[in-house]
N, C-alpha and C. Protein backbone atom coordinates (compact mmCIF):
# COMPACT_ATOMS: atom_id res chain seq x y z
N ALA A 1 109.19 159.47 132.16
CA ALA A 1 109.31 159.87 130.77
C ALA A 1 110.73 159.61 130.30
N LEU A 2 110.84 159.28 129.03
CA LEU A 2 112.15 159.04 128.44
C LEU A 2 112.77 160.36 128.03
N ALA A 3 114.05 160.50 128.30
CA ALA A 3 114.76 161.71 127.90
C ALA A 3 115.03 161.64 126.40
N HIS A 4 114.94 162.75 125.76
CA HIS A 4 115.22 162.82 124.33
C HIS A 4 116.73 162.89 124.13
N THR A 5 117.25 162.03 123.29
CA THR A 5 118.68 162.08 122.99
C THR A 5 118.86 162.38 121.52
N SER A 6 119.94 163.05 121.22
CA SER A 6 120.21 163.38 119.82
C SER A 6 121.04 162.26 119.19
N ALA A 7 121.06 162.25 117.90
CA ALA A 7 121.85 161.27 117.15
C ALA A 7 123.32 161.51 117.43
N PRO A 8 124.12 160.43 117.38
CA PRO A 8 125.56 160.62 117.63
C PRO A 8 126.20 161.46 116.52
N GLY A 9 127.20 162.20 116.89
CA GLY A 9 127.92 163.00 115.90
C GLY A 9 128.85 162.11 115.09
N ALA A 10 129.64 162.75 114.25
CA ALA A 10 130.56 162.01 113.38
C ALA A 10 131.54 161.19 114.20
N LEU A 11 132.08 161.75 115.26
CA LEU A 11 133.03 161.02 116.10
C LEU A 11 132.36 159.81 116.76
N GLY A 12 131.13 159.97 117.17
CA GLY A 12 130.38 158.85 117.76
C GLY A 12 130.15 157.73 116.76
N LEU A 13 129.84 158.08 115.50
CA LEU A 13 129.65 157.07 114.47
C LEU A 13 130.95 156.34 114.15
N VAL A 14 132.06 157.06 114.10
CA VAL A 14 133.36 156.44 113.85
C VAL A 14 133.68 155.47 114.99
N ALA A 15 133.45 155.89 116.22
CA ALA A 15 133.70 155.02 117.38
C ALA A 15 132.82 153.78 117.32
N LEU A 16 131.58 153.93 116.94
CA LEU A 16 130.66 152.80 116.83
C LEU A 16 131.12 151.80 115.77
N VAL A 17 131.50 152.30 114.62
CA VAL A 17 131.96 151.43 113.53
C VAL A 17 133.23 150.69 113.94
N LEU A 18 134.19 151.40 114.51
CA LEU A 18 135.45 150.77 114.91
C LEU A 18 135.24 149.74 116.01
N SER A 19 134.46 150.07 117.01
CA SER A 19 134.25 149.12 118.10
C SER A 19 133.46 147.91 117.63
N SER A 20 132.51 148.11 116.75
CA SER A 20 131.76 146.97 116.20
C SER A 20 132.68 146.05 115.40
N GLY A 21 133.57 146.61 114.64
CA GLY A 21 134.52 145.82 113.86
C GLY A 21 135.46 145.02 114.74
N VAL A 22 135.95 145.64 115.81
CA VAL A 22 136.86 144.95 116.73
C VAL A 22 136.14 143.82 117.44
N VAL A 23 134.97 144.10 117.99
CA VAL A 23 134.21 143.07 118.70
C VAL A 23 133.80 141.96 117.73
N GLY A 24 133.33 142.34 116.56
CA GLY A 24 132.93 141.34 115.57
C GLY A 24 134.10 140.48 115.13
N GLY A 25 135.22 141.11 114.87
CA GLY A 25 136.40 140.37 114.45
C GLY A 25 136.90 139.41 115.51
N LEU A 26 136.86 139.82 116.75
CA LEU A 26 137.30 138.94 117.84
C LEU A 26 136.38 137.74 117.98
N GLY A 27 135.09 137.99 117.94
CA GLY A 27 134.12 136.90 118.10
C GLY A 27 134.22 135.87 116.99
N ILE A 28 134.36 136.33 115.76
CA ILE A 28 134.48 135.42 114.62
C ILE A 28 135.76 134.60 114.73
N ASN A 29 136.87 135.23 115.12
CA ASN A 29 138.13 134.50 115.24
C ASN A 29 138.09 133.46 116.35
N VAL A 30 137.50 133.81 117.47
CA VAL A 30 137.37 132.83 118.56
C VAL A 30 136.48 131.68 118.12
N ALA A 31 135.36 132.00 117.48
CA ALA A 31 134.45 130.95 116.99
C ALA A 31 135.17 130.04 116.00
N HIS A 32 135.99 130.61 115.14
CA HIS A 32 136.74 129.81 114.17
C HIS A 32 137.62 128.78 114.88
N GLU A 33 138.32 129.20 115.91
CA GLU A 33 139.18 128.26 116.64
C GLU A 33 138.34 127.20 117.36
N LEU A 34 137.22 127.60 117.93
CA LEU A 34 136.38 126.65 118.66
C LEU A 34 135.72 125.62 117.74
N VAL A 35 135.45 125.99 116.50
CA VAL A 35 134.85 125.06 115.53
C VAL A 35 135.76 123.85 115.33
N HIS A 36 137.07 124.07 115.43
CA HIS A 36 138.05 123.00 115.21
C HIS A 36 138.32 122.15 116.46
N SER A 37 137.70 122.49 117.56
CA SER A 37 137.97 121.77 118.82
C SER A 37 137.45 120.34 118.78
N THR A 38 138.12 119.48 119.52
CA THR A 38 137.65 118.09 119.66
C THR A 38 136.59 117.99 120.75
N ARG A 39 136.47 119.02 121.58
CA ARG A 39 135.47 119.02 122.66
C ARG A 39 134.13 119.51 122.13
N ARG A 40 133.11 118.72 122.36
CA ARG A 40 131.77 119.09 121.89
C ARG A 40 131.31 120.41 122.49
N SER A 41 131.59 120.64 123.76
CA SER A 41 131.15 121.88 124.42
C SER A 41 131.74 123.12 123.74
N GLU A 42 132.98 123.01 123.28
CA GLU A 42 133.60 124.14 122.60
C GLU A 42 133.02 124.35 121.20
N ARG A 43 132.67 123.26 120.53
CA ARG A 43 132.04 123.40 119.21
C ARG A 43 130.65 124.02 119.35
N VAL A 44 129.94 123.67 120.42
CA VAL A 44 128.63 124.28 120.69
C VAL A 44 128.82 125.77 120.98
N LEU A 45 129.83 126.10 121.78
CA LEU A 45 130.11 127.50 122.08
C LEU A 45 130.44 128.29 120.80
N ALA A 46 131.14 127.66 119.87
CA ALA A 46 131.42 128.31 118.59
C ALA A 46 130.12 128.69 117.89
N ARG A 47 129.17 127.78 117.89
CA ARG A 47 127.88 128.07 117.24
C ARG A 47 127.11 129.16 117.98
N VAL A 48 127.23 129.18 119.31
CA VAL A 48 126.58 130.25 120.08
C VAL A 48 127.18 131.60 119.68
N LEU A 49 128.51 131.67 119.63
CA LEU A 49 129.17 132.91 119.20
C LEU A 49 128.73 133.31 117.79
N LEU A 50 128.71 132.35 116.89
CA LEU A 50 128.33 132.64 115.51
C LEU A 50 126.87 133.08 115.40
N SER A 51 126.04 132.67 116.35
CA SER A 51 124.63 133.07 116.31
C SER A 51 124.46 134.58 116.49
N PHE A 52 125.41 135.22 117.18
CA PHE A 52 125.35 136.67 117.34
C PHE A 52 125.54 137.39 116.01
N TYR A 53 126.11 136.71 115.03
CA TYR A 53 126.35 137.29 113.71
C TYR A 53 125.40 136.71 112.66
N CYS A 54 124.42 135.91 113.10
CA CYS A 54 123.49 135.22 112.19
C CYS A 54 124.28 134.38 111.18
N TYR A 55 125.30 133.69 111.67
CA TYR A 55 126.24 132.99 110.80
C TYR A 55 126.55 131.58 111.31
N VAL A 56 125.59 130.97 112.00
CA VAL A 56 125.80 129.65 112.59
C VAL A 56 126.15 128.62 111.52
N TYR A 57 125.54 128.72 110.36
CA TYR A 57 125.78 127.74 109.30
C TYR A 57 127.23 127.73 108.83
N TRP A 58 127.98 128.79 109.12
CA TRP A 58 129.37 128.86 108.70
C TRP A 58 130.19 127.72 109.30
N ALA A 59 129.87 127.28 110.50
CA ALA A 59 130.63 126.21 111.15
C ALA A 59 130.63 124.96 110.28
N THR A 60 129.49 124.60 109.73
CA THR A 60 129.38 123.42 108.87
C THR A 60 130.11 123.63 107.55
N SER A 61 129.89 124.78 106.93
CA SER A 61 130.52 125.02 105.62
C SER A 61 132.03 125.15 105.78
N HIS A 62 132.50 125.64 106.90
CA HIS A 62 133.94 125.78 107.10
C HIS A 62 134.63 124.42 107.21
N LEU A 63 134.01 123.51 107.92
CA LEU A 63 134.60 122.17 108.02
C LEU A 63 134.59 121.49 106.65
N SER A 64 133.56 121.74 105.86
CA SER A 64 133.53 121.23 104.49
C SER A 64 134.66 121.83 103.67
N HIS A 65 134.95 123.09 103.91
CA HIS A 65 136.05 123.77 103.23
C HIS A 65 137.37 123.02 103.45
N HIS A 66 137.60 122.56 104.66
CA HIS A 66 138.84 121.84 104.95
C HIS A 66 138.92 120.50 104.21
N ARG A 67 137.78 119.88 103.97
CA ARG A 67 137.77 118.62 103.23
C ARG A 67 137.96 118.82 101.74
N HIS A 68 137.52 119.98 101.23
CA HIS A 68 137.49 120.20 99.78
C HIS A 68 138.25 121.46 99.36
N VAL A 69 139.25 121.86 100.12
CA VAL A 69 139.94 123.12 99.87
C VAL A 69 140.47 123.19 98.43
N GLY A 70 140.20 124.32 97.80
CA GLY A 70 140.69 124.57 96.45
C GLY A 70 139.87 123.97 95.32
N LEU A 71 138.80 123.27 95.64
CA LEU A 71 137.93 122.70 94.60
C LEU A 71 136.72 123.63 94.45
N PRO A 72 136.70 124.48 93.43
CA PRO A 72 135.65 125.51 93.32
C PRO A 72 134.22 124.97 93.41
N GLU A 73 133.99 123.79 92.88
CA GLU A 73 132.62 123.25 92.91
C GLU A 73 132.24 122.71 94.29
N ARG A 74 133.21 122.50 95.18
CA ARG A 74 132.93 121.94 96.50
C ARG A 74 133.38 122.82 97.65
N ASP A 75 134.18 123.84 97.38
CA ASP A 75 134.76 124.67 98.44
C ASP A 75 134.15 126.07 98.39
N SER A 76 133.44 126.42 99.44
CA SER A 76 132.78 127.73 99.47
C SER A 76 133.69 128.84 100.00
N ALA A 77 134.88 128.51 100.44
CA ALA A 77 135.72 129.50 101.11
C ALA A 77 137.01 129.81 100.36
N THR A 78 137.12 129.41 99.13
CA THR A 78 138.29 129.73 98.33
C THR A 78 137.85 130.57 97.14
N ALA A 79 138.52 131.69 96.95
CA ALA A 79 138.19 132.55 95.81
C ALA A 79 138.57 131.85 94.51
N ALA A 80 137.80 132.10 93.49
CA ALA A 80 138.11 131.55 92.16
C ALA A 80 139.31 132.30 91.58
N LEU A 81 140.02 131.64 90.71
CA LEU A 81 141.17 132.25 90.06
C LEU A 81 140.75 133.55 89.37
N GLY A 82 141.40 134.63 89.71
CA GLY A 82 141.10 135.93 89.12
C GLY A 82 139.95 136.67 89.77
N GLU A 83 139.29 136.08 90.74
CA GLU A 83 138.15 136.73 91.40
C GLU A 83 138.65 137.85 92.31
N THR A 84 137.97 138.98 92.30
CA THR A 84 138.36 140.09 93.17
C THR A 84 137.89 139.80 94.59
N VAL A 85 138.49 140.49 95.54
CA VAL A 85 138.08 140.32 96.94
C VAL A 85 136.62 140.74 97.10
N TRP A 86 136.18 141.75 96.35
CA TRP A 86 134.80 142.21 96.45
C TRP A 86 133.83 141.19 95.84
N GLY A 87 134.24 140.58 94.75
CA GLY A 87 133.42 139.53 94.15
C GLY A 87 133.28 138.34 95.08
N PHE A 88 134.41 137.96 95.70
CA PHE A 88 134.38 136.85 96.65
C PHE A 88 133.50 137.19 97.86
N ALA A 89 133.66 138.39 98.40
CA ALA A 89 132.87 138.80 99.58
C ALA A 89 131.38 138.82 99.28
N ALA A 90 131.02 139.17 98.05
CA ALA A 90 129.61 139.19 97.67
C ALA A 90 129.05 137.78 97.47
N ARG A 91 129.88 136.87 97.00
CA ARG A 91 129.45 135.51 96.67
C ARG A 91 129.51 134.54 97.84
N ALA A 92 130.50 134.68 98.70
CA ALA A 92 130.79 133.66 99.71
C ALA A 92 129.66 133.37 100.71
N PRO A 93 128.99 134.36 101.30
CA PRO A 93 127.97 134.02 102.31
C PRO A 93 126.84 133.12 101.77
N ALA A 94 126.33 133.42 100.59
CA ALA A 94 125.25 132.59 100.03
C ALA A 94 125.78 131.19 99.68
N LYS A 95 126.99 131.13 99.16
CA LYS A 95 127.58 129.83 98.83
C LYS A 95 127.85 129.03 100.10
N ASN A 96 128.30 129.69 101.16
CA ASN A 96 128.50 129.00 102.44
C ASN A 96 127.20 128.39 102.94
N LEU A 97 126.12 129.16 102.87
CA LEU A 97 124.82 128.66 103.32
C LEU A 97 124.38 127.46 102.48
N ARG A 98 124.51 127.57 101.18
CA ARG A 98 124.12 126.48 100.30
C ARG A 98 124.92 125.21 100.63
N PHE A 99 126.22 125.35 100.81
CA PHE A 99 127.05 124.19 101.10
C PHE A 99 126.72 123.62 102.48
N ALA A 100 126.43 124.48 103.45
CA ALA A 100 126.09 124.00 104.80
C ALA A 100 124.80 123.20 104.79
N LEU A 101 123.84 123.60 103.98
CA LEU A 101 122.56 122.92 103.91
C LEU A 101 122.63 121.60 103.15
N HIS A 102 123.58 121.48 102.22
CA HIS A 102 123.62 120.29 101.35
C HIS A 102 124.83 119.40 101.56
N ASP A 103 125.65 119.70 102.57
CA ASP A 103 126.85 118.87 102.78
C ASP A 103 126.56 117.76 103.78
């Protein structure tokens, strides 16, 4: 039989959020560096890491960003002039996907 466990308390939730952010941040940063590698195996590893975040398409859109940096109609990773960080965060994932599929 499975033992009944209670929901984590406030301290447990804080620990979960902080540890998820640290692990997530590390994985994304490592994947970012690997995307730029000249070795195919490292670029594949970048996509494997990104798959844990359901963000594999970011590798393609990010490389497109480097080719078109600062061009709003072609760059999915640059905020528009006057755009808030929250507006950018809400817009960027869908725009990254669209650019990855059509680049």
